[in-house]
Amino acid sequence: MTTTPARRRLSSSPFAVAPEPVILSWEMDELVCHDSYGMGRIINVEAAAVTVDFRPQKVRIASPYPKLGKL
Protein backbone atom coordinates (compact mmCIF):
# COMPACT_ATOMS: atom_id res chain seq x y z
CA MET A 1 0.00 0.00 0.00
CA THR A 2 1.37 3.42 -0.92
CA THR A 3 0.44 6.71 0.66
CA THR A 4 0.46 10.09 -0.98
CA PRO A 5 2.37 12.90 0.68
CA ALA A 6 0.33 15.51 2.52
CA ARG A 7 -0.27 18.71 0.59
CA ARG A 8 0.95 21.97 2.04
CA ARG A 9 -0.69 25.33 1.51
CA LEU A 10 1.39 27.94 -0.21
CA SER A 11 1.90 31.16 1.69
CA SER A 12 0.55 33.06 -1.31
CA SER A 13 -2.63 30.99 -1.38
CA PRO A 14 -5.88 32.97 -1.21
CA PHE A 15 -7.08 30.33 1.24
CA ALA A 16 -4.25 30.87 3.70
CA VAL A 17 -5.40 31.20 7.27
CA ALA A 18 -5.27 34.78 8.50
CA PRO A 19 -3.47 35.26 11.81
CA GLU A 20 -5.65 36.01 14.81
CA PRO A 21 -5.57 39.65 15.86
CA VAL A 22 -3.79 40.43 19.09
CA ILE A 23 -6.13 42.09 21.57
CA LEU A 24 -4.26 44.43 23.88
CA SER A 25 -5.52 45.25 27.33
CA TRP A 26 -4.56 48.51 28.98
CA GLU A 27 -4.35 49.57 32.62
CA MET A 28 -4.38 52.95 34.33
CA ASP A 29 -0.94 54.59 34.81
CA GLU A 30 0.68 52.20 32.34
CA LEU A 31 3.56 53.63 30.29
CA VAL A 32 3.10 53.45 26.54
CA CYS A 33 4.91 54.64 23.43
CA HIS A 34 3.27 56.09 20.30
CA ASP A 35 5.03 56.44 16.94
CA SER A 36 3.96 60.09 16.51
CA TYR A 37 3.50 61.41 20.07
CA GLY A 38 6.30 59.60 21.89
CA MET A 39 6.15 58.26 25.45
CA GLY A 40 3.08 58.79 27.61
CA ARG A 41 1.00 57.46 30.50
CA ILE A 42 -2.55 56.07 30.26
CA ILE A 43 -4.95 58.23 32.26
CA ASN A 44 -8.33 56.79 31.18
CA VAL A 45 -9.42 53.36 29.91
CA GLU A 46 -12.72 52.88 28.05
CA ALA A 47 -14.19 49.88 26.24
CA ALA A 48 -13.05 51.05 22.79
CA ALA A 49 -10.44 53.73 23.51
CA VAL A 50 -7.72 54.93 25.86
CA THR A 51 -6.70 58.46 26.80
CA VAL A 52 -2.97 59.03 27.05
CA ASP A 53 -1.15 61.98 28.63
CA PHE A 54 1.82 62.75 26.39
CA ARG A 55 2.76 65.97 28.26
CA PRO A 56 1.85 68.74 26.91
CA GLN A 57 -1.24 67.16 25.36
CA LYS A 58 -3.78 64.46 26.12
CA VAL A 59 -4.83 62.26 23.21
CA ARG A 60 -7.74 59.79 22.98
CA ILE A 61 -6.72 56.79 20.86
CA ALA A 62 -9.45 54.46 19.60
CA SER A 63 -9.23 50.70 19.20
CA PRO A 64 -7.34 48.94 17.50
CA TYR A 65 -4.75 51.35 18.93
CA PRO A 66 -2.61 52.01 15.84
CA LYS A 67 1.02 52.89 16.51
CA LEU A 68 0.60 52.43 20.27
CA GLY A 69 2.71 49.93 22.18
CA LYS A 70 3.45 48.98 25.77
CA LEU A 71 6.78 49.77 27.37
C-alpha atoms as a PDB file:
ATOM      1  CA  MET A   1       0.000   0.000   0.000  1.00  0.00           C
ATOM      2  CA  THR A   2       1.374   3.420  -0.919  1.00  0.00           C
ATOM      3  CA  THR A   3       0.437   6.709   0.655  1.00  0.00           C
ATOM      4  CA  THR A   4       0.463  10.091  -0.984  1.00  0.00           C
ATOM      5  CA  PRO A   5       2.370  12.898   0.685  1.00  0.00           C
ATOM      6  CA  ALA A   6       0.331  15.513   2.525  1.00  0.00           C
ATOM      7  CA  ARG A   7      -0.271  18.709   0.593  1.00  0.00           C
ATOM      8  CA  ARG A   8       0.947  21.970   2.036  1.00  0.00           C
ATOM      9  CA  ARG A   9      -0.688  25.333   1.511  1.00  0.00           C
ATOM     10  CA  LEU A  10       1.389  27.938  -0.210  1.00  0.00           C
ATOM     11  CA  SER A  11       1.899  31.162   1.695  1.00  0.00           C
ATOM     12  CA  SER A  12       0.549  33.059  -1.312  1.00  0.00           C
ATOM     13  CA  SER A  13      -2.628  30.990  -1.375  1.00  0.00           C
ATOM     14  CA  PRO A  14      -5.881  32.971  -1.214  1.00  0.00           C
ATOM     15  CA  PHE A  15      -7.081  30.334   1.241  1.00  0.00           C
ATOM     16  CA  ALA A  16      -4.253  30.865   3.702  1.00  0.00           C
ATOM     17  CA  VAL A  17      -5.399  31.200   7.275  1.00  0.00           C
ATOM     18  CA  ALA A  18      -5.271  34.781   8.498  1.00  0.00           C
ATOM     19  CA  PRO A  19      -3.470  35.264  11.809  1.00  0.00           C
ATOM     20  CA  GLU A  20      -5.653  36.007  14.807  1.00  0.00           C
ATOM     21  CA  PRO A  21      -5.571  39.654  15.860  1.00  0.00           C
ATOM     22  CA  VAL A  22      -3.791  40.433  19.087  1.00  0.00           C
ATOM     23  CA  ILE A  23      -6.133  42.088  21.573  1.00  0.00           C
ATOM     24  CA  LEU A  24      -4.258  44.427  23.882  1.00  0.00           C
ATOM     25  CA  SER A  25      -5.515  45.254  27.331  1.00  0.00           C
ATOM     26  CA  TRP A  26      -4.560  48.512  28.984  1.00  0.00           C
ATOM     27  CA  GLU A  27      -4.349  49.568  32.625  1.00  0.00           C
ATOM     28  CA  MET A  28      -4.380  52.951  34.326  1.00  0.00           C
ATOM     29  CA  ASP A  29      -0.943  54.585  34.813  1.00  0.00           C
ATOM     30  CA  GLU A  30       0.680  52.199  32.337  1.00  0.00           C
ATOM     31  CA  LEU A  31       3.561  53.630  30.294  1.00  0.00           C
ATOM     32  CA  VAL A  32       3.101  53.455  26.535  1.00  0.00           C
ATOM     33  CA  CYS A  33       4.907  54.640  23.428  1.00  0.00           C
ATOM     34  CA  HIS A  34       3.274  56.086  20.303  1.00  0.00           C
ATOM     35  CA  ASP A  35       5.033  56.436  16.940  1.00  0.00           C
ATOM     36  CA  SER A  36       3.956  60.085  16.508  1.00  0.00           C
ATOM     37  CA  TYR A  37       3.496  61.412  20.073  1.00  0.00           C
ATOM     38  CA  GLY A  38       6.300  59.601  21.893  1.00  0.00           C
ATOM     39  CA  MET A  39       6.149  58.255  25.449  1.00  0.00           C
ATOM     40  CA  GLY A  40       3.080  58.786  27.610  1.00  0.00           C
ATOM     41  CA  ARG A  41       1.000  57.463  30.496  1.00  0.00           C
ATOM     42  CA  ILE A  42      -2.550  56.067  30.260  1.00  0.00           C
ATOM     43  CA  ILE A  43      -4.953  58.227  32.259  1.00  0.00           C
ATOM     44  CA  ASN A  44      -8.332  56.786  31.180  1.00  0.00           C
ATOM     45  CA  VAL A  45      -9.423  53.364  29.907  1.00  0.00           C
ATOM     46  CA  GLU A  46     -12.720  52.880  28.053  1.00  0.00           C
ATOM     47  CA  ALA A  47     -14.191  49.883  26.242  1.00  0.00           C
ATOM     48  CA  ALA A  48     -13.054  51.051  22.789  1.00  0.00           C
ATOM     49  CA  ALA A  49     -10.435  53.727  23.506  1.00  0.00           C
ATOM     50  CA  VAL A  50      -7.724  54.933  25.862  1.00  0.00           C
ATOM     51  CA  THR A  51      -6.705  58.462  26.802  1.00  0.00           C
ATOM     52  CA  VAL A  52      -2.974  59.032  27.053  1.00  0.00           C
ATOM     53  CA  ASP A  53      -1.154  61.978  28.628  1.00  0.00           C
ATOM     54  CA  PHE A  54       1.818  62.752  26.394  1.00  0.00           C
ATOM     55  CA  ARG A  55       2.760  65.974  28.260  1.00  0.00           C
ATOM     56  CA  PRO A  56       1.851  68.739  26.914  1.00  0.00           C
ATOM     57  CA  GLN A  57      -1.239  67.162  25.365  1.00  0.00           C
ATOM     58  CA  LYS A  58      -3.778  64.461  26.118  1.00  0.00           C
ATOM     59  CA  VAL A  59      -4.834  62.263  23.215  1.00  0.00           C
ATOM     60  CA  ARG A  60      -7.735  59.793  22.980  1.00  0.00           C
ATOM     61  CA  ILE A  61      -6.722  56.789  20.864  1.00  0.00           C
ATOM     62  CA  ALA A  62      -9.453  54.463  19.602  1.00  0.00           C
ATOM     63  CA  SER A  63      -9.229  50.698  19.195  1.00  0.00           C
ATOM     64  CA  PRO A  64      -7.341  48.935  17.497  1.00  0.00           C
ATOM     65  CA  TYR A  65      -4.749  51.351  18.929  1.00  0.00           C
ATOM     66  CA  PRO A  66      -2.613  52.013  15.841  1.00  0.00           C
ATOM     67  CA  LYS A  67       1.019  52.894  16.507  1.00  0.00           C
ATOM     68  CA  LEU A  68       0.597  52.432  20.271  1.00  0.00           C
ATOM     69  CA  GLY A  69       2.710  49.930  22.184  1.00  0.00           C
ATOM     70  CA  LYS A  70       3.449  48.984  25.775  1.00  0.00           C
ATOM     71  CA  LEU A  71       6.776  49.774  27.375  1.00  0.00           C
END
